[in-house]
Amino acid sequence: MTALWIAHVHVTDAEAYGRYAKEAGPAIAAHGGVFLARGGRYRQLEGSDRSRNVVARFPSLEAAVACYESSEYQSALEHAKGAAERDLVIVEETPPASE
């Protein structure tokens, strides 16, 4: 079952967060992650507004968690600490309804 990595981010230090994004992308790809949305247009309908929204699909929940826990991603994440307010959740996708 595939899983979605969903991040809502308010960047407070663009330079440091740019370093995070540059390093995080390859770490995510190395674990089978593919970006579906990355900072594009959006419309906030409920909850707290965060100006950057990212969605990546992984082959499984386990692959997404392994990515987050990997040394490569954790190294990238050091750049985001103090440079952004972030919410991150990994959600297993619902299988398509059979017809």
PDB file of N, CA and C in Angstrom:
ATOM      1  N   MET A   1       0.832  -1.170   0.000  1.00  0.00           N
ATOM      2  CA  MET A   1       0.000   0.000   0.000  1.00  0.00           C
ATOM      3  C   MET A   1       0.886   1.245   0.000  1.00  0.00           C
ATOM      4  N   THR A   2       0.666   2.138  -0.946  1.00  0.00           N
ATOM      5  CA  THR A   2       1.460   3.356  -1.007  1.00  0.00           C
ATOM      6  C   THR A   2       1.085   4.292   0.140  1.00  0.00           C
ATOM      7  N   ALA A   3       1.954   5.273   0.393  1.00  0.00           N
ATOM      8  CA  ALA A   3       1.727   6.227   1.477  1.00  0.00           C
ATOM      9  C   ALA A   3       2.095   7.625   1.009  1.00  0.00           C
ATOM     10  N   LEU A   4       1.421   8.597   1.596  1.00  0.00           N
ATOM     11  CA  LEU A   4       1.681   9.998   1.290  1.00  0.00           C
ATOM     12  C   LEU A   4       2.369  10.666   2.466  1.00  0.00           C
ATOM     13  N   TRP A   5       3.407  11.414   2.151  1.00  0.00           N
ATOM     14  CA  TRP A   5       4.159  12.226   3.109  1.00  0.00           C
ATOM     15  C   TRP A   5       3.632  13.634   2.868  1.00  0.00           C
ATOM     16  N   ILE A   6       2.982  14.227   3.856  1.00  0.00           N
ATOM     17  CA  ILE A   6       2.323  15.520   3.693  1.00  0.00           C
ATOM     18  C   ILE A   6       2.928  16.500   4.693  1.00  0.00           C
ATOM     19  N   ALA A   7       3.504  17.569   4.167  1.00  0.00           N
ATOM     20  CA  ALA A   7       4.126  18.584   5.011  1.00  0.00           C
ATOM     21  C   ALA A   7       3.480  19.940   4.757  1.00  0.00           C
ATOM     22  N   HIS A   8       3.210  20.652   5.843  1.00  0.00           N
ATOM     23  CA  HIS A   8       2.717  22.025   5.786  1.00  0.00           C
ATOM     24  C   HIS A   8       3.778  22.870   6.485  1.00  0.00           C
ATOM     25  N   VAL A   9       4.310  23.865   5.774  1.00  0.00           N
ATOM     26  CA  VAL A   9       5.508  24.556   6.243  1.00  0.00           C
ATOM     27  C   VAL A   9       5.362  26.070   6.145  1.00  0.00           C
ATOM     28  N   HIS A  10       5.832  26.759   7.180  1.00  0.00           N
ATOM     29  CA  HIS A  10       5.994  28.214   7.149  1.00  0.00           C
ATOM     30  C   HIS A  10       7.498  28.464   7.279  1.00  0.00           C
ATOM     31  N   VAL A  11       8.115  28.928   6.209  1.00  0.00           N
ATOM     32  CA  VAL A  11       9.562  29.145   6.183  1.00  0.00           C
ATOM     33  C   VAL A  11       9.886  30.479   6.857  1.00  0.00           C
ATOM     34  N   THR A  12      10.837  30.439   7.788  1.00  0.00           N
ATOM     35  CA  THR A  12      11.272  31.660   8.480  1.00  0.00           C
ATOM     36  C   THR A  12      12.696  32.070   8.093  1.00  0.00           C
ATOM     37  N   ASP A  13      13.443  31.165   7.490  1.00  0.00           N
ATOM     38  CA  ASP A  13      14.804  31.453   7.010  1.00  0.00           C
ATOM     39  C   ASP A  13      14.960  30.755   5.661  1.00  0.00           C
ATOM     40  N   ALA A  14      14.724  31.512   4.586  1.00  0.00           N
ATOM     41  CA  ALA A  14      14.699  30.934   3.237  1.00  0.00           C
ATOM     42  C   ALA A  14      16.036  30.322   2.834  1.00  0.00           C
ATOM     43  N   GLU A  15      17.128  30.932   3.219  1.00  0.00           N
ATOM     44  CA  GLU A  15      18.446  30.409   2.835  1.00  0.00           C
ATOM     45  C   GLU A  15      18.702  29.037   3.468  1.00  0.00           C
ATOM     46  N   ALA A  16      18.471  28.929   4.766  1.00  0.00           N
ATOM     47  CA  ALA A  16      18.684  27.649   5.462  1.00  0.00           C
ATOM     48  C   ALA A  16      17.696  26.604   4.963  1.00  0.00           C
ATOM     49  N   TYR A  17      16.440  27.003   4.746  1.00  0.00           N
ATOM     50  CA  TYR A  17      15.451  26.047   4.283  1.00  0.00           C
ATOM     51  C   TYR A  17      15.767  25.582   2.863  1.00  0.00           C
ATOM     52  N   GLY A  18      16.353  26.443   2.067  1.00  0.00           N
ATOM     53  CA  GLY A  18      16.791  26.045   0.733  1.00  0.00           C
ATOM     54  C   GLY A  18      17.844  24.947   0.787  1.00  0.00           C
ATOM     55  N   ARG A  19      18.751  25.033   1.769  1.00  0.00           N
ATOM     56  CA  ARG A  19      19.755  23.968   1.944  1.00  0.00           C
ATOM     57  C   ARG A  19      19.070  22.663   2.323  1.00  0.00           C
ATOM     58  N   TYR A  20      18.066  22.750   3.202  1.00  0.00           N
ATOM     59  CA  TYR A  20      17.296  21.563   3.566  1.00  0.00           C
ATOM     60  C   TYR A  20      16.675  20.936   2.314  1.00  0.00           C
ATOM     61  N   ALA A  21      15.970  21.738   1.536  1.00  0.00           N
ATOM     62  CA  ALA A  21      15.260  21.224   0.351  1.00  0.00           C
ATOM     63  C   ALA A  21      16.220  20.587  -0.644  1.00  0.00           C
ATOM     64  N   LYS A  22      17.379  21.194  -0.811  1.00  0.00           N
ATOM     65  CA  LYS A  22      18.374  20.671  -1.758  1.00  0.00           C
ATOM     66  C   LYS A  22      18.865  19.284  -1.335  1.00  0.00           C
ATOM     67  N   GLU A  23      19.045  19.078  -0.042  1.00  0.00           N
ATOM     68  CA  GLU A  23      19.520  17.778   0.457  1.00  0.00           C
ATOM     69  C   GLU A  23      18.389  16.775   0.652  1.00  0.00           C
ATOM     70  N   ALA A  24      17.208  17.259   1.015  1.00  0.00           N
ATOM     71  CA  ALA A  24      16.091  16.355   1.299  1.00  0.00           C
ATOM     72  C   ALA A  24      15.584  15.671   0.033  1.00  0.00           C
ATOM     73  N   GLY A  25      15.564  16.386  -1.088  1.00  0.00           N
ATOM     74  CA  GLY A  25      15.059  15.812  -2.339  1.00  0.00           C
ATOM     75  C   GLY A  25      15.729  14.499  -2.713  1.00  0.00           C
ATOM     76  N   PRO A  26      17.061  14.451  -2.770  1.00  0.00           N
ATOM     77  CA  PRO A  26      17.727  13.187  -3.090  1.00  0.00           C
ATOM     78  C   PRO A  26      17.487  12.090  -2.045  1.00  0.00           C
ATOM     79  N   ALA A  27      17.385  12.450  -0.774  1.00  0.00           N
ATOM     80  CA  ALA A  27      17.118  11.450   0.267  1.00  0.00           C
ATOM     81  C   ALA A  27      15.726  10.859   0.071  1.00  0.00           C
ATOM     82  N   ILE A  28      14.764  11.692  -0.265  1.00  0.00           N
ATOM     83  CA  ILE A  28      13.402  11.226  -0.509  1.00  0.00           C
ATOM     84  C   ILE A  28      13.368  10.325  -1.731  1.00  0.00           C
ATOM     85  N   ALA A  29      14.022  10.738  -2.808  1.00  0.00           N
ATOM     86  CA  ALA A  29      14.061   9.930  -4.036  1.00  0.00           C
ATOM     87  C   ALA A  29      14.737   8.585  -3.797  1.00  0.00           C
ATOM     88  N   ALA A  30      15.784   8.566  -2.978  1.00  0.00           N
ATOM     89  CA  ALA A  30      16.512   7.322  -2.698  1.00  0.00           C
ATOM     90  C   ALA A  30      15.632   6.293  -1.992  1.00  0.00           C
ATOM     91  N   HIS A  31      14.562   6.747  -1.355  1.00  0.00           N
ATOM     92  CA  HIS A  31      13.645   5.836  -0.662  1.00  0.00           C
ATOM     93  C   HIS A  31      12.361   5.614  -1.459  1.00  0.00           C
ATOM     94  N   GLY A  32      12.404   5.961  -2.740  1.00  0.00           N
ATOM     95  CA  GLY A  32      11.261   5.717  -3.612  1.00  0.00           C
ATOM     96  C   GLY A  32      10.215   6.806  -3.596  1.00  0.00           C
ATOM     97  N   GLY A  33      10.502   7.926  -2.942  1.00  0.00           N
ATOM     98  CA  GLY A  33       9.552   9.031  -2.873  1.00  0.00           C
ATOM     99  C   GLY A  33       9.506   9.814  -4.165  1.00  0.00           C
ATOM    100  N   VAL A  34       8.295  10.201  -4.559  1.00  0.00           N
ATOM    101  CA  VAL A  34       8.065  11.006  -5.764  1.00  0.00           C
ATOM    102  C   VAL A  34       7.197  12.186  -5.351  1.00  0.00           C
ATOM    103  N   PHE A  35       7.629  13.401  -5.682  1.00  0.00           N
ATOM    104  CA  PHE A  35       6.854  14.580  -5.316  1.00  0.00           C
ATOM    105  C   PHE A  35       5.615  14.706  -6.190  1.00  0.00           C
ATOM    106  N   LEU A  36       4.469  14.902  -5.548  1.00  0.00           N
ATOM    107  CA  LEU A  36       3.206  15.150  -6.240  1.00  0.00           C
ATOM    108  C   LEU A  36       2.858  16.636  -6.194  1.00  0.00           C
ATOM    109  N   ALA A  37       3.258  17.302  -5.122  1.00  0.00           N
ATOM    110  CA  ALA A  37       3.063  18.747  -4.966  1.00  0.00           C
ATOM    111  C   ALA A  37       4.226  19.266  -4.152  1.00  0.00           C
ATOM    112  N   ARG A  38       4.717  20.427  -4.548  1.00  0.00           N
ATOM    113  CA  ARG A  38       5.890  20.971  -3.854  1.00  0.00           C
ATOM    114  C   ARG A  38       5.870  22.491  -3.951  1.00  0.00           C
ATOM    115  N   GLY A  39       5.130  23.117  -3.026  1.00  0.00           N
ATOM    116  CA  GLY A  39       5.131  24.569  -2.962  1.00  0.00           C
ATOM    117  C   GLY A  39       4.307  25.269  -4.027  1.00  0.00           C
ATOM    118  N   GLY A  40       3.388  24.581  -4.661  1.00  0.00           N
ATOM    119  CA  GLY A  40       2.575  25.202  -5.703  1.00  0.00           C
ATOM    120  C   GLY A  40       1.425  26.017  -5.143  1.00  0.00           C
ATOM    121  N   ARG A  41       0.569  26.436  -6.033  1.00  0.00           N
ATOM    122  CA  ARG A  41      -0.603  27.219  -5.636  1.00  0.00           C
ATOM    123  C   ARG A  41      -1.503  26.393  -4.718  1.00  0.00           C
ATOM    124  N   TYR A  42      -2.170  27.072  -3.805  1.00  0.00           N
ATOM    125  CA  TYR A  42      -3.071  26.386  -2.887  1.00  0.00           C
ATOM    126  C   TYR A  42      -4.120  27.374  -2.398  1.00  0.00           C
ATOM    127  N   ARG A  43      -5.121  26.847  -1.751  1.00  0.00           N
ATOM    128  CA  ARG A  43      -6.135  27.665  -1.103  1.00  0.00           C
ATOM    129  C   ARG A  43      -6.417  27.059   0.268  1.00  0.00           C
ATOM    130  N   GLN A  44      -6.160  27.811   1.315  1.00  0.00           N
ATOM    131  CA  GLN A  44      -6.383  27.356   2.682  1.00  0.00           C
ATOM    132  C   GLN A  44      -7.867  27.439   2.996  1.00  0.00           C
ATOM    133  N   LEU A  45      -8.490  26.333   3.351  1.00  0.00           N
ATOM    134  CA  LEU A  45      -9.917  26.314   3.643  1.00  0.00           C
ATOM    135  C   LEU A  45     -10.215  26.176   5.132  1.00  0.00           C
ATOM    136  N   GLU A  46      -9.376  25.452   5.853  1.00  0.00           N
ATOM    137  CA  GLU A  46      -9.557  25.277   7.297  1.00  0.00           C
ATOM    138  C   GLU A  46      -8.189  25.160   7.948  1.00  0.00           C
ATOM    139  N   GLY A  47      -8.148  25.408   9.244  1.00  0.00           N
ATOM    140  CA  GLY A  47      -6.922  25.204  10.006  1.00  0.00           C
ATOM    141  C   GLY A  47      -5.899  26.304   9.799  1.00  0.00           C
ATOM    142  N   SER A  48      -4.691  26.034  10.273  1.00  0.00           N
ATOM    143  CA  SER A  48      -3.598  26.998  10.219  1.00  0.00           C
ATOM    144  C   SER A  48      -3.000  27.077   8.825  1.00  0.00           C
ATOM    145  N   ASP A  49      -2.823  28.291   8.354  1.00  0.00           N
ATOM    146  CA  ASP A  49      -2.235  28.504   7.031  1.00  0.00           C
ATOM    147  C   ASP A  49      -0.719  28.361   7.112  1.00  0.00           C
ATOM    148  N   ARG A  50      -0.172  27.546   6.245  1.00  0.00           N
ATOM    149  CA  ARG A  50       1.272  27.421   6.069  1.00  0.00           C
ATOM    150  C   ARG A  50       1.515  27.618   4.579  1.00  0.00           C
ATOM    151  N   SER A  51       2.385  28.515   4.226  1.00  0.00           N
ATOM    152  CA  SER A  51       2.519  28.939   2.829  1.00  0.00           C
ATOM    153  C   SER A  51       3.189  27.922   1.911  1.00  0.00           C
ATOM    154  N   ARG A  52       3.802  26.888   2.461  1.00  0.00           N
ATOM    155  CA  ARG A  52       4.447  25.868   1.629  1.00  0.00           C
ATOM    156  C   ARG A  52       3.848  24.512   1.968  1.00  0.00           C
ATOM    157  N   ASN A  53       3.348  23.826   0.967  1.00  0.00           N
ATOM    158  CA  ASN A  53       2.726  22.516   1.147  1.00  0.00           C
ATOM    159  C   ASN A  53       3.405  21.524   0.226  1.00  0.00           C
ATOM    160  N   VAL A  54       3.760  20.375   0.786  1.00  0.00           N
ATOM    161  CA  VAL A  54       4.501  19.363   0.029  1.00  0.00           C
ATOM    162  C   VAL A  54       3.817  18.011   0.214  1.00  0.00           C
ATOM    163  N   VAL A  55       3.629  17.308  -0.907  1.00  0.00           N
ATOM    164  CA  VAL A  55       3.080  15.955  -0.867  1.00  0.00           C
ATOM    165  C   VAL A  55       4.000  15.069  -1.702  1.00  0.00           C
ATOM    166  N   ALA A  56       4.448  13.971  -1.108  1.00  0.00           N
ATOM    167  CA  ALA A  56       5.268  12.986  -1.828  1.00  0.00           C
ATOM    168  C   ALA A  56       4.642  11.619  -1.630  1.00  0.00           C
ATOM    169  N   ARG A  57       4.678  10.791  -2.657  1.00  0.00           N
ATOM    170  CA  ARG A  57       4.169   9.424  -2.570  1.00  0.00           C
ATOM    171  C   ARG A  57       5.357   8.478  -2.415  1.00  0.00           C
ATOM    172  N   PHE A  58       5.219   7.538  -1.482  1.00  0.00           N
ATOM    173  CA  PHE A  58       6.222   6.504  -1.247  1.00  0.00           C
ATOM    174  C   PHE A  58       5.606   5.141  -1.531  1.00  0.00           C
ATOM    175  N   PRO A  59       6.434   4.140  -1.813  1.00  0.00           N
ATOM    176  CA  PRO A  59       5.915   2.793  -2.089  1.00  0.00           C
ATOM    177  C   PRO A  59       5.142   2.189  -0.914  1.00  0.00           C
ATOM    178  N   SER A  60       5.449   2.635   0.308  1.00  0.00           N
ATOM    179  CA  SER A  60       4.782   2.096   1.497  1.00  0.00           C
ATOM    180  C   SER A  60       4.991   3.062   2.657  1.00  0.00           C
ATOM    181  N   LEU A  61       4.194   2.872   3.693  1.00  0.00           N
ATOM    182  CA  LEU A  61       4.367   3.646   4.921  1.00  0.00           C
ATOM    183  C   LEU A  61       5.760   3.393   5.497  1.00  0.00           C
ATOM    184  N   GLU A  62       6.181   2.144   5.441  1.00  0.00           N
ATOM    185  CA  GLU A  62       7.498   1.774   5.981  1.00  0.00           C
ATOM    186  C   GLU A  62       8.626   2.478   5.236  1.00  0.00           C
ATOM    187  N   ALA A  63       8.501   2.602   3.905  1.00  0.00           N
ATOM    188  CA  ALA A  63       9.533   3.285   3.114  1.00  0.00           C
ATOM    189  C   ALA A  63       9.599   4.763   3.482  1.00  0.00           C
ATOM    190  N   ALA A  64       8.438   5.384   3.706  1.00  0.00           N
ATOM    191  CA  ALA A  64       8.406   6.799   4.082  1.00  0.00           C
ATOM    192  C   ALA A  64       9.031   7.023   5.453  1.00  0.00           C
ATOM    193  N   VAL A  65       8.716   6.138   6.403  1.00  0.00           N
ATOM    194  CA  VAL A  65       9.293   6.245   7.743  1.00  0.00           C
ATOM    195  C   VAL A  65      10.803   5.997   7.681  1.00  0.00           C
ATOM    196  N   ALA A  66      11.221   5.007   6.894  1.00  0.00           N
ATOM    197  CA  ALA A  66      12.656   4.729   6.744  1.00  0.00           C
ATOM    198  C   ALA A  66      13.378   5.940   6.164  1.00  0.00           C
ATOM    199  N   CYS A  67      12.747   6.627   5.236  1.00  0.00           N
ATOM    200  CA  CYS A  67      13.341   7.839   4.680  1.00  0.00           C
ATOM    201  C   CYS A  67      13.527   8.873   5.780  1.00  0.00           C
ATOM    202  N   TYR A  68      12.458   9.141   6.524  1.00  0.00           N
ATOM    203  CA  TYR A  68      12.530  10.149   7.587  1.00  0.00           C
ATOM    204  C   TYR A  68      13.625   9.811   8.593  1.00  0.00           C
ATOM    205  N   GLU A  69      13.755   8.545   8.929  1.00  0.00           N
ATOM    206  CA  GLU A  69      14.727   8.123   9.937  1.00  0.00           C
ATOM    207  C   GLU A  69      16.138   7.944   9.391  1.00  0.00           C
ATOM    208  N   SER A  70      16.313   8.030   8.065  1.00  0.00           N
ATOM    209  CA  SER A  70      17.633   7.808   7.462  1.00  0.00           C
ATOM    210  C   SER A  70      18.620   8.911   7.839  1.00  0.00           C
ATOM    211  N   SER A  71      19.887   8.563   7.847  1.00  0.00           N
ATOM    212  CA  SER A  71      20.920   9.552   8.178  1.00  0.00           C
ATOM    213  C   SER A  71      20.952  10.685   7.150  1.00  0.00           C
ATOM    214  N   GLU A  72      20.671  10.365   5.888  1.00  0.00           N
ATOM    215  CA  GLU A  72      20.681  11.398   4.847  1.00  0.00           C
ATOM    216  C   GLU A  72      19.579  12.435   5.081  1.00  0.00           C
ATOM    217  N   TYR A  73      18.383  11.960   5.384  1.00  0.00           N
ATOM    218  CA  TYR A  73      17.284  12.900   5.617  1.00  0.00           C
ATOM    219  C   TYR A  73      17.503  13.666   6.923  1.00  0.00           C
ATOM    220  N   GLN A  74      17.947  12.989   7.955  1.00  0.00           N
ATOM    221  CA  GLN A  74      18.187  13.662   9.229  1.00  0.00           C
ATOM    222  C   GLN A  74      19.257  14.744   9.096  1.00  0.00           C
ATOM    223  N   SER A  75      20.245  14.492   8.254  1.00  0.00           N
ATOM    224  CA  SER A  75      21.270  15.506   7.984  1.00  0.00           C
ATOM    225  C   SER A  75      20.641  16.722   7.306  1.00  0.00           C
ATOM    226  N   ALA A  76      19.780  16.489   6.328  1.00  0.00           N
ATOM    227  CA  ALA A  76      19.085  17.581   5.650  1.00  0.00           C
ATOM    228  C   ALA A  76      18.189  18.340   6.631  1.00  0.00           C
ATOM    229  N   LEU A  77      17.522  17.597   7.498  1.00  0.00           N
ATOM    230  CA  LEU A  77      16.580  18.180   8.439  1.00  0.00           C
ATOM    231  C   LEU A  77      17.248  19.165   9.394  1.00  0.00           C
ATOM    232  N   GLU A  78      18.508  18.989   9.659  1.00  0.00           N
ATOM    233  CA  GLU A  78      19.239  19.934  10.525  1.00  0.00           C
ATOM    234  C   GLU A  78      19.139  21.359   9.993  1.00  0.00           C
ATOM    235  N   HIS A  79      19.105  21.525   8.666  1.00  0.00           N
ATOM    236  CA  HIS A  79      18.996  22.858   8.063  1.00  0.00           C
ATOM    237  C   HIS A  79      17.612  23.467   8.282  1.00  0.00           C
ATOM    238  N   ALA A  80      16.579  22.634   8.400  1.00  0.00           N
ATOM    239  CA  ALA A  80      15.211  23.121   8.573  1.00  0.00           C
ATOM    240  C   ALA A  80      14.926  23.532  10.017  1.00  0.00           C
ATOM    241  N   LYS A  81      15.659  22.951  10.952  1.00  0.00           N
ATOM    242  CA  LYS A  81      15.429  23.277  12.357  1.00  0.00           C
ATOM    243  C   LYS A  81      15.761  24.746  12.599  1.00  0.00           C
ATOM    244  N   GLY A  82      14.806  25.480  13.119  1.00  0.00           N
ATOM    245  CA  GLY A  82      14.990  26.913  13.345  1.00  0.00           C
ATOM    246  C   GLY A  82      14.762  27.744  12.095  1.00  0.00           C
ATOM    247  N   ALA A  83      14.559  27.093  10.953  1.00  0.00           N
ATOM    248  CA  ALA A  83      14.358  27.817   9.694  1.00  0.00           C
ATOM    249  C   ALA A  83      12.918  27.708   9.208  1.00  0.00           C
ATOM    250  N   ALA A  84      12.091  26.947   9.935  1.00  0.00           N
ATOM    251  CA  ALA A  84      10.711  26.759   9.498  1.00  0.00           C
ATOM    252  C   ALA A  84       9.866  26.199  10.635  1.00  0.00           C
ATOM    253  N   GLU A  85       8.580  26.497  10.556  1.00  0.00           N
ATOM    254  CA  GLU A  85       7.584  25.839  11.398  1.00  0.00           C
ATOM    255  C   GLU A  85       6.949  24.794  10.503  1.00  0.00           C
ATOM    256  N   ARG A  86       6.959  23.525  10.941  1.00  0.00           N
ATOM    257  CA  ARG A  86       6.531  22.424  10.064  1.00  0.00           C
ATOM    258  C   ARG A  86       5.576  21.486  10.774  1.00  0.00           C
ATOM    259  N   ASP A  87       4.645  20.971  10.009  1.00  0.00           N
ATOM    260  CA  ASP A  87       3.832  19.837  10.413  1.00  0.00           C
ATOM    261  C   ASP A  87       4.070  18.781   9.346  1.00  0.00           C
ATOM    262  N   LEU A  88       4.307  17.551   9.759  1.00  0.00           N
ATOM    263  CA  LEU A  88       4.570  16.468   8.818  1.00  0.00           C
ATOM    264  C   LEU A  88       3.808  15.233   9.265  1.00  0.00           C
ATOM    265  N   VAL A  89       3.097  14.628   8.332  1.00  0.00           N
ATOM    266  CA  VAL A  89       2.372  13.396   8.622  1.00  0.00           C
ATOM    267  C   VAL A  89       2.572  12.445   7.447  1.00  0.00           C
ATOM    268  N   ILE A  90       2.609  11.159   7.748  1.00  0.00           N
ATOM    269  CA  ILE A  90       2.671  10.124   6.708  1.00  0.00           C
ATOM    270  C   ILE A  90       1.367   9.336   6.814  1.00  0.00           C
ATOM    271  N   VAL A  91       0.656   9.235   5.710  1.00  0.00           N
ATOM    272  CA  VAL A  91      -0.659   8.610   5.695  1.00  0.00           C
ATOM    273  C   VAL A  91      -0.686   7.526   4.617  1.00  0.00           C
ATOM    274  N   GLU A  92      -1.110   6.334   5.007  1.00  0.00           N
ATOM    275  CA  GLU A  92      -1.259   5.262   4.044  1.00  0.00           C
ATOM    276  C   GLU A  92      -2.442   5.585   3.117  1.00  0.00           C
ATOM    277  N   GLU A  93      -2.242   5.393   1.829  1.00  0.00           N
ATOM    278  CA  GLU A  93      -3.298   5.683   0.865  1.00  0.00           C
ATOM    279  C   GLU A  93      -4.389   4.625   0.914  1.00  0.00           C
ATOM    280  N   THR A  94      -5.586   5.059   0.594  1.00  0.00           N
ATOM    281  CA  THR A  94      -6.724   4.160   0.486  1.00  0.00           C
ATOM    282  C   THR A  94      -6.655   3.465  -0.871  1.00  0.00           C
ATOM    283  N   PRO A  95      -6.834   2.170  -0.907  1.00  0.00           N
ATOM    284  CA  PRO A  95      -6.797   1.494  -2.215  1.00  0.00           C
ATOM    285  C   PRO A  95      -7.961   1.977  -3.084  1.00  0.00           C
ATOM    286  N   PRO A  96      -7.760   1.992  -4.405  1.00  0.00           N
ATOM    287  CA  PRO A  96      -8.840   2.410  -5.291  1.00  0.00           C
ATOM    288  C   PRO A  96     -10.037   1.475  -5.144  1.00  0.00           C
ATOM    289  N   ALA A  97     -11.220   2.041  -5.253  1.00  0.00           N
ATOM    290  CA  ALA A  97     -12.432   1.233  -5.187  1.00  0.00           C
ATOM    291  C   ALA A  97     -12.510   0.345  -6.421  1.00  0.00           C
ATOM    292  N   SER A  98     -12.830  -0.913  -6.225  1.00  0.00           N
ATOM    293  CA  SER A  98     -12.953  -1.799  -7.373  1.00  0.00           C
ATOM    294  C   SER A  98     -14.303  -1.576  -8.042  1.00  0.00           C
ATOM    295  N   GLU A  99     -14.298  -1.696  -9.329  1.00  0.00           N
ATOM    296  CA  GLU A  99     -15.536  -1.448 -10.090  1.00  0.00           C
ATOM    297  C   GLU A  99     -16.225  -2.739 -10.443  1.00  0.00           C
TER     298      GLU A  99
END
